[in-house]
């Protein structure tokens, strides 16, 4: 999810968050496709041989843009090579997020099944070509305004934590899509409340057919529409978002349609740590897609790259053979389903900036190096205590070529509840064949659809 006074706002952002970051040199960019993959990951495996070299997935000729869940027969048939539990977690602590350590330490029933590592994430040739151009051209003004960027990953050789996060936000996801984003609020005893949501989205920056560049004067990159279909008390609630770069009036524009009011209205609260509609406070708006929206409430720092056990190639938990009731267990997911692998990850710290506010005083993000995908987030409260943890179960997409997280989980350590989102197991997989007229995402058009 996703211009009056723009110069003043941009200037203020740069003063608060730092000046523009410089594009890399031609010599550095020449590493792309050589020692680095075309999007900036280390191409080689690790010295121990526990992380393989990058062997990108090629688009299967029969892969359909509609009606197919992610799967790989060879990978899905593999057995764990290791299981991490409370009893042996100390041996692997240096490769675990703080959230995973908390879960292992707290619950005897929690475990992490570790499988052989596979680095299959690949992207279309157009993305590779555009990424190489961006490396020497794209800049970040402050933390919220990419400038001179088009189609590909904006910062394949990042120099700041904010640049790493923008790679996640702008990654290619196809031209447009309809998806089910079903959600469950799970109580400590394992009972759950289910919400059914359908989303439509059109990508502008990441469109191969008609890419829309991001500059300091133009920042639209996504249009998004969602409809809650159940439970009855929430059914008919609609959210419309025009996702733009920028932190002020030039940034995100959002609207909310509430059935009780029967009208669509501007919704500036579709932002940051305001509770997302239909989640009963269990997900903030900026936790959707692991992280989205403005960066300017935080300072951002690259901690480094680290070998970590992360959710990856998680086809089983996201597939149609797994039913919703199979996923849920008291206190945490059914840990027979997730698949964890050893991968190199980018580690980025976000610390609350002076003069701003957010429920999370600090966040530590972990991103898979091949997919530029956030796969875990440690979330800390105002007292510096770890009290929430996000986990995204990453899959490699063979149809559009890319990566995503299905499902995503938010553990609430303060209440014992957890929240699951991006579930489509018992409905339909993402439909990437959708085409939307520009008018589809206009507020007036949404109002007319609601009135039918």
Protein backbone atom coordinates (compact mmCIF):
# COMPACT_ATOMS: atom_id res chain seq x y z
CA UNK A 1 0.00 0.00 0.00
CA UNK A 2 -0.02 1.96 -0.71
CA UNK A 3 1.43 19.70 -4.82
CA UNK A 4 1.40 22.72 -3.31
CA UNK A 5 4.34 23.38 -1.10
CA UNK A 6 6.30 20.37 -2.41
CA UNK A 7 9.62 22.24 -2.46
CA UNK A 8 9.20 23.34 1.15
CA UNK A 9 8.18 19.85 2.26
CA UNK A 10 11.07 18.18 0.44
CA UNK A 11 13.51 20.67 1.92
CA UNK A 12 12.16 20.07 5.41
CA UNK A 13 12.45 16.32 4.94
CA UNK A 14 16.06 16.62 3.83
CA UNK A 15 16.93 18.82 6.80
CA UNK A 16 15.29 16.36 9.20
CA UNK A 17 16.47 13.12 7.63
CA UNK A 18 19.65 13.96 5.73
CA UNK A 19 20.45 15.26 2.27
CA UNK A 20 20.05 13.36 -0.96
CA UNK A 21 21.92 10.08 -1.25
CA UNK A 22 24.22 9.82 -4.25
CA UNK A 23 23.91 7.17 -6.97
CA UNK A 24 26.79 4.69 -7.11
CA UNK A 25 29.73 5.00 -9.50
CA UNK A 26 29.91 3.24 -12.83
CA UNK A 27 32.64 0.97 -11.40
CA UNK A 28 30.39 -0.13 -8.55
CA UNK A 29 27.42 -0.61 -10.88
CA UNK A 30 29.57 -2.87 -13.08
CA UNK A 31 29.38 -5.51 -10.32
CA UNK A 32 25.71 -6.07 -11.18
CA UNK A 33 25.44 -9.27 -13.19
CA UNK A 34 29.05 -10.18 -12.35
CA UNK A 35 29.95 -10.69 -8.69
CA UNK A 36 26.46 -9.47 -7.81
CA UNK A 37 23.18 -10.66 -9.26
CA UNK A 38 21.46 -8.16 -11.59
CA UNK A 39 19.51 -6.81 -8.58
CA UNK A 40 22.43 -6.59 -6.14
CA UNK A 41 22.62 -9.85 -4.15
CA UNK A 42 25.92 -11.69 -3.75
CA UNK A 43 25.93 -14.20 -6.60
CA UNK A 44 28.23 -16.74 -4.89
CA UNK A 45 27.27 -19.02 -2.05
CA UNK A 46 28.95 -18.88 1.35
CA UNK A 47 32.28 -20.46 2.22
CA UNK A 48 30.67 -23.20 4.31
CA UNK A 49 28.50 -24.32 1.41
CA UNK A 50 25.34 -23.94 3.49
CA UNK A 51 24.11 -21.09 1.28
CA UNK A 52 24.25 -21.99 -2.43
CA UNK A 53 25.11 -19.78 -5.37
CA UNK A 54 22.22 -17.98 -7.04
CA UNK A 55 20.50 -20.28 -9.56
CA UNK A 56 17.55 -18.21 -10.78
CA UNK A 57 14.20 -19.69 -11.58
CA UNK A 58 13.19 -19.39 -15.22
CA UNK A 59 9.62 -18.70 -16.13
CA UNK A 60 7.90 -22.00 -16.81
CA UNK A 61 6.25 -22.05 -20.27
CA UNK A 62 3.05 -23.43 -18.71
CA UNK A 63 3.01 -21.03 -15.78
CA UNK A 64 -0.32 -19.27 -15.71
CA UNK A 65 -0.92 -15.74 -14.50
CA UNK A 66 -4.20 -16.95 -13.04
CA UNK A 67 -5.33 -19.98 -11.03
CA UNK A 68 -1.96 -21.30 -9.82
CA UNK A 69 -0.56 -21.38 -6.31
CA UNK A 70 3.21 -21.34 -5.86
CA UNK A 71 4.76 -24.80 -5.92
CA UNK A 72 7.95 -26.66 -6.74
CA UNK A 73 7.67 -30.44 -6.63
CA UNK A 74 11.34 -31.09 -5.82
CA UNK A 75 11.59 -28.45 -3.08
CA UNK A 76 8.19 -29.30 -1.60
CA UNK A 77 9.22 -32.97 -1.21
CA UNK A 78 12.33 -32.19 0.85
CA UNK A 79 12.70 -33.09 4.53
CA UNK A 80 14.18 -30.88 7.27
CA UNK A 81 17.92 -31.10 7.84
CA UNK A 82 17.64 -29.57 11.31
CA UNK A 83 15.00 -28.63 13.86
CA UNK A 84 15.64 -25.74 16.24
CA UNK A 85 13.86 -25.91 19.60
CA UNK A 86 14.18 -24.33 23.02
CA UNK A 87 16.67 -27.08 23.94
CA UNK A 88 19.21 -26.33 21.19
CA UNK A 89 18.47 -22.70 20.23
CA UNK A 90 21.66 -21.42 21.90
CA UNK A 91 23.71 -23.16 19.17
CA UNK A 92 21.95 -21.13 16.47
CA UNK A 93 21.19 -17.87 18.29
CA UNK A 94 23.50 -15.80 16.07
CA UNK A 95 21.36 -16.73 13.06
CA UNK A 96 17.96 -15.99 14.62
CA UNK A 97 15.90 -12.82 14.84
CA UNK A 98 14.99 -11.61 18.33
CA UNK A 99 11.37 -12.49 17.58
CA UNK A 100 12.21 -16.09 16.76
CA UNK A 101 14.35 -16.34 19.88
CA UNK A 102 11.45 -15.09 21.99
CA UNK A 103 9.06 -17.66 20.52
CA UNK A 104 11.53 -20.52 21.01
CA UNK A 105 12.35 -19.44 24.56
CA UNK A 106 8.73 -18.89 25.60
CA UNK A 107 6.84 -21.84 24.11
CA UNK A 108 7.93 -25.47 24.44
CA UNK A 109 5.72 -26.27 21.45
CA UNK A 110 7.50 -23.81 19.14
CA UNK A 111 10.11 -25.10 16.71
CA UNK A 112 11.75 -24.10 13.43
CA UNK A 113 12.22 -26.80 10.80
CA UNK A 114 15.29 -25.92 8.72
CA UNK A 115 15.44 -27.15 5.12
CA UNK A 116 18.12 -27.04 2.39
CA UNK A 117 18.56 -23.51 1.06
CA UNK A 118 17.49 -22.58 -2.47
CA UNK A 119 18.08 -19.23 -4.15
CA UNK A 120 15.56 -19.20 -6.98
CA UNK A 121 14.15 -15.69 -6.92
CA UNK A 122 14.41 -14.14 -10.36
CA UNK A 123 13.00 -11.13 -12.19
CA UNK A 124 12.12 -10.28 -15.81
CA UNK A 125 14.92 -9.11 -18.10
CA UNK A 126 13.36 -5.64 -18.25
CA UNK A 127 13.78 -5.33 -14.47
CA UNK A 128 17.45 -6.28 -14.69
CA UNK A 129 18.09 -3.71 -17.40
CA UNK A 130 16.25 -0.92 -15.58
CA UNK A 131 17.99 -1.74 -12.29
CA UNK A 132 21.41 -1.30 -13.91
CA UNK A 133 20.36 2.17 -15.12
CA UNK A 134 18.95 3.11 -11.71
CA UNK A 135 22.21 2.20 -9.97
CA UNK A 136 24.02 5.24 -11.42
CA UNK A 137 21.02 7.53 -11.78
CA UNK A 138 18.49 7.09 -8.96
CA UNK A 139 18.82 9.18 -5.79
CA UNK A 140 16.83 9.42 -2.56
CA UNK A 141 15.90 12.91 -1.36
CA UNK A 142 15.59 12.68 2.40
CA UNK A 143 13.95 9.30 3.08
CA UNK A 144 10.66 9.58 1.21
CA UNK A 145 11.39 10.93 -2.28
CA UNK A 146 13.15 8.73 -4.86
CA UNK A 147 14.31 10.84 -7.80
CA UNK A 148 15.38 9.74 -11.27
CA UNK A 149 14.21 6.13 -10.85
CA UNK A 150 12.35 3.96 -13.35
CA UNK A 151 10.87 0.43 -13.30
CA UNK A 152 13.72 -1.53 -11.71
CA UNK A 153 15.02 -1.75 -8.16
CA UNK A 154 16.03 1.83 -7.35
CA UNK A 155 19.07 1.09 -5.15
CA UNK A 156 20.65 -2.30 -5.97
CA UNK A 157 23.83 -1.29 -4.15
CA UNK A 158 22.30 0.58 -1.18
CA UNK A 159 24.18 3.05 0.96
CA UNK A 160 21.45 3.76 3.52
CA UNK A 161 18.78 1.85 5.40
CA UNK A 162 16.04 3.87 3.72
CA UNK A 163 17.32 2.80 0.30
CA UNK A 164 17.03 -0.87 1.34
CA UNK A 165 13.40 -0.35 2.37
CA UNK A 166 12.58 1.42 -0.91
CA UNK A 167 13.85 -1.66 -2.78
CA UNK A 168 11.18 -3.65 -0.94
CA UNK A 169 8.48 -1.06 -1.60
CA UNK A 170 9.15 -0.73 -5.34
CA UNK A 171 9.88 -4.33 -6.30
CA UNK A 172 8.20 -5.69 -9.42
CA UNK A 173 4.90 -7.52 -8.74
CA UNK A 174 3.34 -7.78 -12.19
CA UNK A 175 1.19 -5.23 -14.01
CA UNK A 176 -1.97 -5.53 -11.91
CA UNK A 177 -3.63 -8.14 -9.71
CA UNK A 178 -6.66 -9.25 -7.74
CA UNK A 179 -5.94 -11.23 -4.62
CA UNK A 180 -7.62 -12.60 -1.55
CA UNK A 181 -6.16 -11.17 1.63
CA UNK A 182 -8.02 -13.24 4.19
CA UNK A 183 -7.15 -12.63 7.82
CA UNK A 184 -7.42 -14.35 11.19
CA UNK A 185 -7.17 -12.91 14.71
CA UNK A 186 -6.07 -15.89 16.81
CA UNK A 187 -6.73 -15.98 20.55
CA UNK A 188 -4.27 -17.63 22.98
CA UNK A 189 -6.46 -20.76 23.10
CA UNK A 190 -6.35 -21.16 19.30
CA UNK A 191 -9.86 -19.93 18.52
CA UNK A 192 -9.97 -17.35 15.78
CA UNK A 193 -12.01 -14.62 14.13
CA UNK A 194 -11.96 -14.71 10.32
CA UNK A 195 -12.15 -11.75 7.93
CA UNK A 196 -12.57 -12.12 4.17
CA UNK A 197 -11.00 -9.38 2.01
CA UNK A 198 -10.54 -9.01 -1.76
CA UNK A 199 -8.01 -6.52 -3.11
CA UNK A 200 -7.43 -4.97 -6.54
CA UNK A 201 -4.14 -3.26 -7.30
CA UNK A 202 -2.50 -1.61 -10.28
CA UNK A 203 1.24 -0.96 -10.41
CA UNK A 204 2.59 2.16 -12.09
CA UNK A 205 6.29 2.40 -11.29
CA UNK A 206 6.70 -1.38 -11.60
CA UNK A 207 4.84 -1.73 -14.90
CA UNK A 208 6.88 -3.21 -17.74
CA UNK A 209 4.16 -2.31 -20.24
CA UNK A 210 3.99 1.34 -19.25
CA UNK A 211 6.45 2.30 -16.49
CA UNK A 212 5.88 5.57 -14.64
CA UNK A 213 9.21 6.98 -13.36
CA UNK A 214 9.58 8.50 -9.92
CA UNK A 215 11.03 11.99 -9.80
CA UNK A 216 11.10 14.75 -7.21
CA UNK A 217 8.04 16.20 -8.94
CA UNK A 218 5.98 13.02 -9.51
CA UNK A 219 5.61 10.10 -7.15
CA UNK A 220 2.63 7.84 -7.97
CA UNK A 221 3.53 4.14 -7.91
CA UNK A 222 0.46 2.09 -6.84
CA UNK A 223 -3.33 2.35 -6.84
CA UNK A 224 -5.13 0.01 -4.46
CA UNK A 225 -8.75 -0.90 -3.70
CA UNK A 226 -10.04 -3.38 -1.12
CA UNK A 227 -13.44 -4.67 -0.07
CA UNK A 228 -14.22 -6.48 3.17
CA UNK A 229 -16.72 -9.25 2.39
CA UNK A 230 -17.18 -10.64 5.90
CA UNK A 231 -17.92 -10.91 8.79
CA UNK A 232 -21.31 -9.15 8.48
CA UNK A 233 -20.42 -6.32 10.88
CA UNK A 234 -17.58 -5.27 8.55
CA UNK A 235 -18.95 -6.33 5.17
CA UNK A 236 -19.03 -3.59 2.55
CA UNK A 237 -16.18 -1.54 4.03
CA UNK A 238 -14.04 -0.20 1.19
CA UNK A 239 -10.56 1.33 1.17
CA UNK A 240 -9.02 3.21 -1.75
CA UNK A 241 -5.37 4.28 -1.79
CA UNK A 242 -3.26 6.20 -4.31
CA UNK A 243 0.23 5.42 -3.08
CA UNK A 244 2.72 8.17 -3.78
CA UNK A 245 6.26 8.92 -2.71
CA UNK A 246 6.52 11.77 -0.23
CA UNK A 247 5.62 12.34 3.40
CA UNK A 248 3.31 15.37 3.25
CA UNK A 249 0.29 16.35 1.14
CA UNK A 250 2.14 15.12 -1.94
CA UNK A 251 2.27 11.60 -0.49
CA UNK A 252 -0.39 8.94 0.07
CA UNK A 253 -4.00 9.81 -0.72
CA UNK A 254 -6.59 7.51 0.85
CA UNK A 255 -10.37 7.21 1.09
CA UNK A 256 -12.68 5.07 3.23
CA UNK A 257 -16.24 3.96 2.50
CA UNK A 258 -18.20 2.92 5.59
CA UNK A 259 -21.55 1.17 4.90
CA UNK A 260 -23.19 2.95 7.82
CA UNK A 261 -22.42 6.36 6.31
CA UNK A 262 -23.01 5.25 2.69
CA UNK A 263 -20.42 7.66 1.36
CA UNK A 264 -16.74 7.69 0.58
CA UNK A 265 -14.56 10.19 2.44
CA UNK A 266 -10.91 11.15 2.64
CA UNK A 267 -9.06 9.12 5.27
CA UNK A 268 -5.74 10.63 6.37
CA UNK A 269 -5.67 8.00 9.16
CA UNK A 270 -4.83 5.28 6.60
CA UNK A 271 -1.24 5.69 7.71
CA UNK A 272 1.43 4.70 10.11
CA UNK A 273 0.39 3.17 13.47
CA UNK A 274 -3.33 3.68 13.03
CA UNK A 275 -5.08 0.27 13.19
CA UNK A 276 -5.88 -1.14 9.76
CA UNK A 277 -9.59 -1.43 9.00
CA UNK A 278 -11.02 -4.85 9.91
CA UNK A 279 -8.09 -5.97 12.08
CA UNK A 280 -9.44 -4.89 15.49
CA UNK A 281 -6.14 -3.17 16.19
CA UNK A 282 -3.95 -6.22 15.46
CA UNK A 283 -2.25 -4.69 12.42
CA UNK A 284 -1.13 -1.12 11.84
CA UNK A 285 -1.48 0.34 8.35
CA UNK A 286 2.29 0.54 7.95
CA UNK A 287 2.62 -3.20 8.74
CA UNK A 288 0.67 -4.20 5.62
CA UNK A 289 3.04 -5.96 3.17
CA UNK A 290 5.49 -6.12 6.13
CA UNK A 291 6.10 -2.36 5.75
CA UNK A 292 4.61 0.36 3.59
CA UNK A 293 4.00 4.09 3.69
CA UNK A 294 6.16 6.94 4.89
CA UNK A 295 9.63 6.53 6.37
CA UNK A 296 10.07 10.00 7.84
CA UNK A 297 9.11 9.12 11.42
CA UNK A 298 12.32 7.11 11.75
CA UNK A 299 16.04 7.33 11.14
CA UNK A 300 17.28 4.38 9.06
CA UNK A 301 20.58 2.54 9.33
CA UNK A 302 22.07 -0.48 7.59
CA UNK A 303 23.34 -2.74 10.37
CA UNK A 304 24.91 -5.05 7.81
CA UNK A 305 24.32 -8.34 6.03
CA UNK A 306 23.97 -11.49 8.06
CA UNK A 307 23.32 -15.20 7.57
CA UNK A 308 19.90 -15.89 9.08
CA UNK A 309 17.29 -18.63 9.26
CA UNK A 310 14.30 -17.07 7.53
CA UNK A 311 10.98 -18.29 6.06
CA UNK A 312 11.62 -19.17 2.43
CA UNK A 313 10.09 -21.29 -0.33
CA UNK A 314 7.02 -21.52 1.89
CA UNK A 315 4.77 -23.22 -0.65
CA UNK A 316 3.13 -25.67 1.76
CA UNK A 317 1.72 -23.14 4.21
CA UNK A 318 0.46 -20.95 1.33
CA UNK A 319 -1.03 -23.72 -0.81
CA UNK A 320 -4.53 -25.14 -1.29
CA UNK A 321 -3.77 -28.47 0.45
CA UNK A 322 -3.41 -26.59 3.73
CA UNK A 323 -6.70 -25.46 5.25
CA UNK A 324 -7.06 -22.45 7.52
CA UNK A 325 -7.80 -24.61 10.55
CA UNK A 326 -4.55 -26.49 9.90
CA UNK A 327 -2.49 -23.31 10.19
CA UNK A 328 -3.78 -22.19 13.58
CA UNK A 329 -2.52 -23.46 16.94
CA UNK A 330 -2.64 -21.91 20.43
CA UNK A 331 0.06 -19.23 20.94
CA UNK A 332 1.66 -19.62 17.49
CA UNK A 333 1.32 -21.12 14.01
CA UNK A 334 1.32 -24.85 13.44
CA UNK A 335 5.10 -25.06 13.13
CA UNK A 336 4.96 -28.26 11.10
CA UNK A 337 3.99 -26.08 8.13
CA UNK A 338 6.55 -23.23 7.83
CA UNK A 339 9.79 -23.83 5.96
CA UNK A 340 12.96 -22.04 7.10
CA UNK A 341 16.24 -21.80 5.20
CA UNK A 342 19.63 -20.21 5.77
CA UNK A 343 19.99 -17.06 3.66
CA UNK A 344 21.95 -13.85 3.65
CA UNK A 345 19.76 -10.98 4.77
CA UNK A 346 20.02 -7.24 4.93
CA UNK A 347 19.52 -6.02 8.51
CA UNK A 348 18.14 -2.48 8.85
CA UNK A 349 17.37 -0.56 12.05
CA UNK A 350 14.65 2.08 12.21
CA UNK A 351 14.76 4.31 15.30
CA UNK A 352 12.01 6.79 16.12
CA UNK A 353 13.12 10.27 15.15
CA UNK A 354 13.00 13.08 17.70
CA UNK A 355 9.83 15.13 17.41
CA UNK A 356 7.77 12.32 15.85
CA UNK A 357 5.61 9.59 17.35
CA UNK A 358 4.82 5.94 16.71
CA UNK A 359 3.84 2.97 18.88
CA UNK A 360 7.10 1.30 17.85
CA UNK A 361 10.11 3.12 19.23
CA UNK A 362 12.43 0.86 17.26
CA UNK A 363 12.12 -1.72 14.49
CA UNK A 364 14.70 -4.10 13.11
CA UNK A 365 13.98 -5.30 9.58
CA UNK A 366 15.38 -8.44 7.95
CA UNK A 367 15.26 -8.65 4.13
CA UNK A 368 16.16 -11.58 1.90
CA UNK A 369 19.02 -10.47 -0.36
CA UNK A 370 17.64 -12.05 -3.54
CA UNK A 371 14.05 -10.86 -3.24
CA UNK A 372 14.55 -7.51 -1.48
CA UNK A 373 11.63 -8.87 0.55
CA UNK A 374 11.09 -8.08 4.24
CA UNK A 375 10.72 -11.46 5.93
CA UNK A 376 10.87 -10.53 9.63
CA UNK A 377 10.55 -7.42 11.82
CA UNK A 378 11.39 -7.09 15.53
CA UNK A 379 9.14 -4.36 17.00
CA UNK A 380 9.98 -2.58 20.27
CA UNK A 381 7.78 -0.47 22.55
CA UNK A 382 8.48 2.93 24.12
CA UNK A 383 10.46 1.27 26.93
CA UNK A 384 12.68 -0.63 24.54
CA UNK A 385 10.98 -4.00 25.12
CA UNK A 386 10.32 -6.44 22.29
CA UNK A 387 6.56 -6.77 22.20
CA UNK A 388 5.57 -7.59 18.62
CA UNK A 389 7.13 -9.64 15.86
CA UNK A 390 6.28 -9.85 12.17
CA UNK A 391 7.06 -12.90 10.07
CA UNK A 392 6.56 -13.08 6.29
CA UNK A 393 6.65 -16.49 4.62
CA UNK A 394 8.44 -15.84 1.36
CA UNK A 395 7.71 -17.60 -1.93
CA UNK A 396 9.35 -17.34 -5.35
CA UNK A 397 6.82 -16.55 -8.08
CA UNK A 398 7.31 -18.52 -11.28
CA UNK A 399 4.52 -16.86 -13.25
CA UNK A 400 5.31 -13.15 -13.03
CA UNK A 401 8.90 -13.73 -11.83
CA UNK A 402 9.35 -12.10 -8.46
CA UNK A 403 8.84 -12.74 -4.76
CA UNK A 404 6.15 -12.28 -2.14
CA UNK A 405 5.10 -13.30 1.37
CA UNK A 406 2.15 -15.66 1.86
CA UNK A 407 1.03 -15.54 4.61
CA UNK A 408 2.25 -12.82 6.97
CA UNK A 409 1.99 -13.12 10.76
CA UNK A 410 2.12 -10.56 13.58
CA UNK A 411 2.75 -11.96 17.06
CA UNK A 412 1.52 -9.82 19.97
CA UNK A 413 3.78 -10.81 22.84
CA UNK A 414 1.91 -8.54 25.28
CA UNK A 415 -1.46 -10.31 24.83
CA UNK A 416 -0.59 -13.79 23.57
CA UNK A 417 -2.66 -13.26 20.42
CA UNK A 418 -1.41 -13.38 16.87
CA UNK A 419 -2.71 -12.09 13.56
CA UNK A 420 -2.44 -13.80 10.16
CA UNK A 421 -2.95 -12.00 6.88
CA UNK A 422 -2.49 -12.64 3.11
CA UNK A 423 -4.27 -16.00 3.27
CA UNK A 424 -5.78 -17.37 0.05
CA UNK A 425 -5.58 -21.15 0.66
CA UNK A 426 -9.32 -21.82 0.55
CA UNK A 427 -10.17 -19.17 -2.04
CA UNK A 428 -8.10 -18.41 -5.14
CA UNK A 429 -4.46 -17.55 -5.85
CA UNK A 430 -3.47 -14.12 -7.10
CA UNK A 431 -4.92 -13.26 -10.51
CA UNK A 432 -2.30 -11.33 -12.51
CA UNK A 433 -4.42 -11.18 -15.67
CA UNK A 434 -6.55 -8.31 -14.39
CA UNK A 435 -6.71 -5.05 -16.30
CA UNK A 436 -8.20 -1.91 -14.78
CA UNK A 437 -9.29 1.31 -16.43
CA UNK A 438 -7.91 4.45 -14.82
CA UNK A 439 -11.40 5.36 -13.69
CA UNK A 440 -11.70 2.17 -11.62
CA UNK A 441 -9.61 3.72 -8.85
CA UNK A 442 -11.37 7.11 -8.82
CA UNK A 443 -13.26 7.92 -5.59
CA UNK A 444 -16.45 8.67 -7.57
CA UNK A 445 -16.26 5.27 -9.27
CA UNK A 446 -15.84 3.55 -5.91
CA UNK A 447 -18.89 5.42 -4.58
CA UNK A 448 -20.95 4.27 -7.58
CA UNK A 449 -19.88 0.63 -7.13
CA UNK A 450 -20.80 0.82 -3.45
CA UNK A 451 -24.27 2.15 -4.25
CA UNK A 452 -25.14 -0.74 -6.58
